[in-house]
Amino acid sequence: MVKNVHRFACPCCKKTLEFDARTAKVRPVPTGADTPGGLDDLLASHKHESERLGDVFERAAKDQAGQSRRYDDLLSEAIEDARKNKDEAPRNPFDLE
């Protein structure tokens, strides 16, 4: 079954329904198809996926903040080195050829 498609039983009529999370559409499943996991399973899997994505986002934000701090430190070191060596001219990248 496709990852974005979930099956569950309708609490009112007990018919099997199929929910496509990508398109946000619900359609009835033909008789004789797979047994659904239930609406509770659908909600639990959605909650689990939401928590997982939240953790991924927090980790990415933390990594980004660390990278920003690292660049700030490198810049302040370069400024400090430039102040110490005022007499020396910066290297010209074209002279390295």
C-alpha atoms as a PDB file:
ATOM      1  CA  MET A   1       0.000   0.000   0.000  1.00  0.00           C
ATOM      2  CA  VAL A   2       1.217   3.509  -0.736  1.00  0.00           C
ATOM      3  CA  LYS A   3       2.673   5.337   2.274  1.00  0.00           C
ATOM      4  CA  ASN A   4       0.285   8.286   1.905  1.00  0.00           C
ATOM      5  CA  VAL A   5      -2.829   6.102   1.672  1.00  0.00           C
ATOM      6  CA  HIS A   6      -4.437   4.851   4.900  1.00  0.00           C
ATOM      7  CA  ARG A   7      -7.396   2.523   5.338  1.00  0.00           C
ATOM      8  CA  PHE A   8      -9.809   2.563   8.246  1.00  0.00           C
ATOM      9  CA  ALA A   9     -13.337   1.554   9.144  1.00  0.00           C
ATOM     10  CA  CYS A  10     -15.996   4.260   9.242  1.00  0.00           C
ATOM     11  CA  PRO A  11     -17.220   4.566  12.847  1.00  0.00           C
ATOM     12  CA  CYS A  12     -20.831   5.084  11.667  1.00  0.00           C
ATOM     13  CA  CYS A  13     -21.447   2.608   8.853  1.00  0.00           C
ATOM     14  CA  LYS A  14     -18.446   0.262   9.441  1.00  0.00           C
ATOM     15  CA  LYS A  15     -17.496   0.390   5.748  1.00  0.00           C
ATOM     16  CA  THR A  16     -13.838   0.412   4.823  1.00  0.00           C
ATOM     17  CA  LEU A  17     -12.623   3.818   3.671  1.00  0.00           C
ATOM     18  CA  GLU A  18      -9.341   4.823   2.124  1.00  0.00           C
ATOM     19  CA  PHE A  19      -7.807   8.204   2.966  1.00  0.00           C
ATOM     20  CA  ASP A  20      -5.155   9.695   0.657  1.00  0.00           C
ATOM     21  CA  ALA A  21      -3.104  12.106   2.777  1.00  0.00           C
ATOM     22  CA  ARG A  22      -1.467  13.676  -0.270  1.00  0.00           C
ATOM     23  CA  THR A  23      -4.722  14.714  -1.928  1.00  0.00           C
ATOM     24  CA  ALA A  24      -6.858  14.830   1.269  1.00  0.00           C
ATOM     25  CA  LYS A  25      -9.568  12.678  -0.360  1.00  0.00           C
ATOM     26  CA  VAL A  26     -11.554   9.805   1.118  1.00  0.00           C
ATOM     27  CA  ARG A  27     -13.012   7.030  -1.010  1.00  0.00           C
ATOM     28  CA  PRO A  28     -14.742   3.729  -0.212  1.00  0.00           C
ATOM     29  CA  VAL A  29     -12.728   0.552  -0.665  1.00  0.00           C
ATOM     30  CA  PRO A  30     -14.297  -2.201  -2.802  1.00  0.00           C
ATOM     31  CA  THR A  31     -15.605  -5.249  -0.925  1.00  0.00           C
ATOM     32  CA  GLY A  32     -13.024  -8.004  -0.423  1.00  0.00           C
ATOM     33  CA  ALA A  33     -10.047  -5.665  -0.119  1.00  0.00           C
ATOM     34  CA  ASP A  34      -7.576  -5.719   2.762  1.00  0.00           C
ATOM     35  CA  THR A  35      -8.875  -5.315   6.315  1.00  0.00           C
ATOM     36  CA  PRO A  36      -8.304  -1.800   7.602  1.00  0.00           C
ATOM     37  CA  GLY A  37      -6.111  -0.978  10.581  1.00  0.00           C
ATOM     38  CA  GLY A  38      -8.683   1.363  12.048  1.00  0.00           C
ATOM     39  CA  LEU A  39      -8.986   5.077  12.550  1.00  0.00           C
ATOM     40  CA  ASP A  40      -7.042   4.885  15.810  1.00  0.00           C
ATOM     41  CA  ASP A  41      -4.090   3.329  13.960  1.00  0.00           C
ATOM     42  CA  LEU A  42      -4.260   6.087  11.360  1.00  0.00           C
ATOM     43  CA  LEU A  43      -4.208   8.787  14.043  1.00  0.00           C
ATOM     44  CA  ALA A  44      -1.369   7.046  15.914  1.00  0.00           C
ATOM     45  CA  SER A  45       0.740   6.783  12.760  1.00  0.00           C
ATOM     46  CA  HIS A  46       0.046  10.452  11.984  1.00  0.00           C
ATOM     47  CA  LYS A  47       1.101  11.467  15.506  1.00  0.00           C
ATOM     48  CA  HIS A  48       4.257   9.353  15.259  1.00  0.00           C
ATOM     49  CA  GLU A  49       5.159  10.884  11.882  1.00  0.00           C
ATOM     50  CA  SER A  50       4.492  14.385  13.211  1.00  0.00           C
ATOM     51  CA  GLU A  51       6.792  13.793  16.197  1.00  0.00           C
ATOM     52  CA  ARG A  52       9.499  12.352  13.929  1.00  0.00           C
ATOM     53  CA  LEU A  53       9.372  15.351  11.600  1.00  0.00           C
ATOM     54  CA  GLY A  54       9.449  17.711  14.593  1.00  0.00           C
ATOM     55  CA  ASP A  55      12.605  15.999  15.857  1.00  0.00           C
ATOM     56  CA  VAL A  56      14.210  16.215  12.417  1.00  0.00           C
ATOM     57  CA  PHE A  57      13.387  19.926  12.208  1.00  0.00           C
ATOM     58  CA  GLU A  58      14.778  20.635  15.695  1.00  0.00           C
ATOM     59  CA  ARG A  59      17.994  18.771  14.869  1.00  0.00           C
ATOM     60  CA  ALA A  60      18.394  20.715  11.614  1.00  0.00           C
ATOM     61  CA  ALA A  61      17.775  24.040  13.379  1.00  0.00           C
ATOM     62  CA  LYS A  62      20.338  23.146  16.045  1.00  0.00           C
ATOM     63  CA  ASP A  63      22.912  22.183  13.395  1.00  0.00           C
ATOM     64  CA  GLN A  64      22.265  25.426  11.529  1.00  0.00           C
ATOM     65  CA  ALA A  65      22.776  27.481  14.702  1.00  0.00           C
ATOM     66  CA  GLY A  66      26.052  25.653  15.378  1.00  0.00           C
ATOM     67  CA  GLN A  67      27.242  26.310  11.851  1.00  0.00           C
ATOM     68  CA  SER A  68      26.366  29.995  12.173  1.00  0.00           C
ATOM     69  CA  ARG A  69      28.371  30.200  15.424  1.00  0.00           C
ATOM     70  CA  ARG A  70      31.310  28.491  13.718  1.00  0.00           C
ATOM     71  CA  TYR A  71      31.326  31.035  10.884  1.00  0.00           C
ATOM     72  CA  ASP A  72      31.106  33.906  13.366  1.00  0.00           C
ATOM     73  CA  ASP A  73      34.131  32.501  15.215  1.00  0.00           C
ATOM     74  CA  LEU A  74      36.113  32.147  11.981  1.00  0.00           C
ATOM     75  CA  LEU A  75      35.284  35.718  11.004  1.00  0.00           C
ATOM     76  CA  SER A  76      36.316  37.118  14.386  1.00  0.00           C
ATOM     77  CA  GLU A  77      39.603  35.135  14.200  1.00  0.00           C
ATOM     78  CA  ALA A  78      40.299  36.540  10.728  1.00  0.00           C
ATOM     79  CA  ILE A  79      39.594  40.095  11.924  1.00  0.00           C
ATOM     80  CA  GLU A  80      41.881  39.565  14.928  1.00  0.00           C
ATOM     81  CA  ASP A  81      44.682  38.229  12.699  1.00  0.00           C
ATOM     82  CA  ALA A  82      44.278  41.201  10.349  1.00  0.00           C
ATOM     83  CA  ARG A  83      44.616  43.623  13.283  1.00  0.00           C
ATOM     84  CA  LYS A  84      47.767  41.867  14.531  1.00  0.00           C
ATOM     85  CA  ASN A  85      49.437  41.906  11.106  1.00  0.00           C
ATOM     86  CA  LYS A  86      48.656  45.416   9.897  1.00  0.00           C
ATOM     87  CA  ASP A  87      51.987  45.717   8.082  1.00  0.00           C
ATOM     88  CA  GLU A  88      51.500  42.598   5.976  1.00  0.00           C
ATOM     89  CA  ALA A  89      49.386  42.854   2.844  1.00  0.00           C
ATOM     90  CA  PRO A  90      46.789  40.163   2.310  1.00  0.00           C
ATOM     91  CA  ARG A  91      47.700  37.375  -0.086  1.00  0.00           C
ATOM     92  CA  ASN A  92      46.518  37.906  -3.619  1.00  0.00           C
ATOM     93  CA  PRO A  93      44.917  34.680  -4.872  1.00  0.00           C
ATOM     94  CA  PHE A  94      46.278  35.339  -8.369  1.00  0.00           C
ATOM     95  CA  ASP A  95      49.853  35.246  -7.062  1.00  0.00           C
ATOM     96  CA  LEU A  96      49.447  31.609  -6.030  1.00  0.00           C
ATOM     97  CA  GLU A  97      49.374  30.350  -9.632  1.00  0.00           C
END
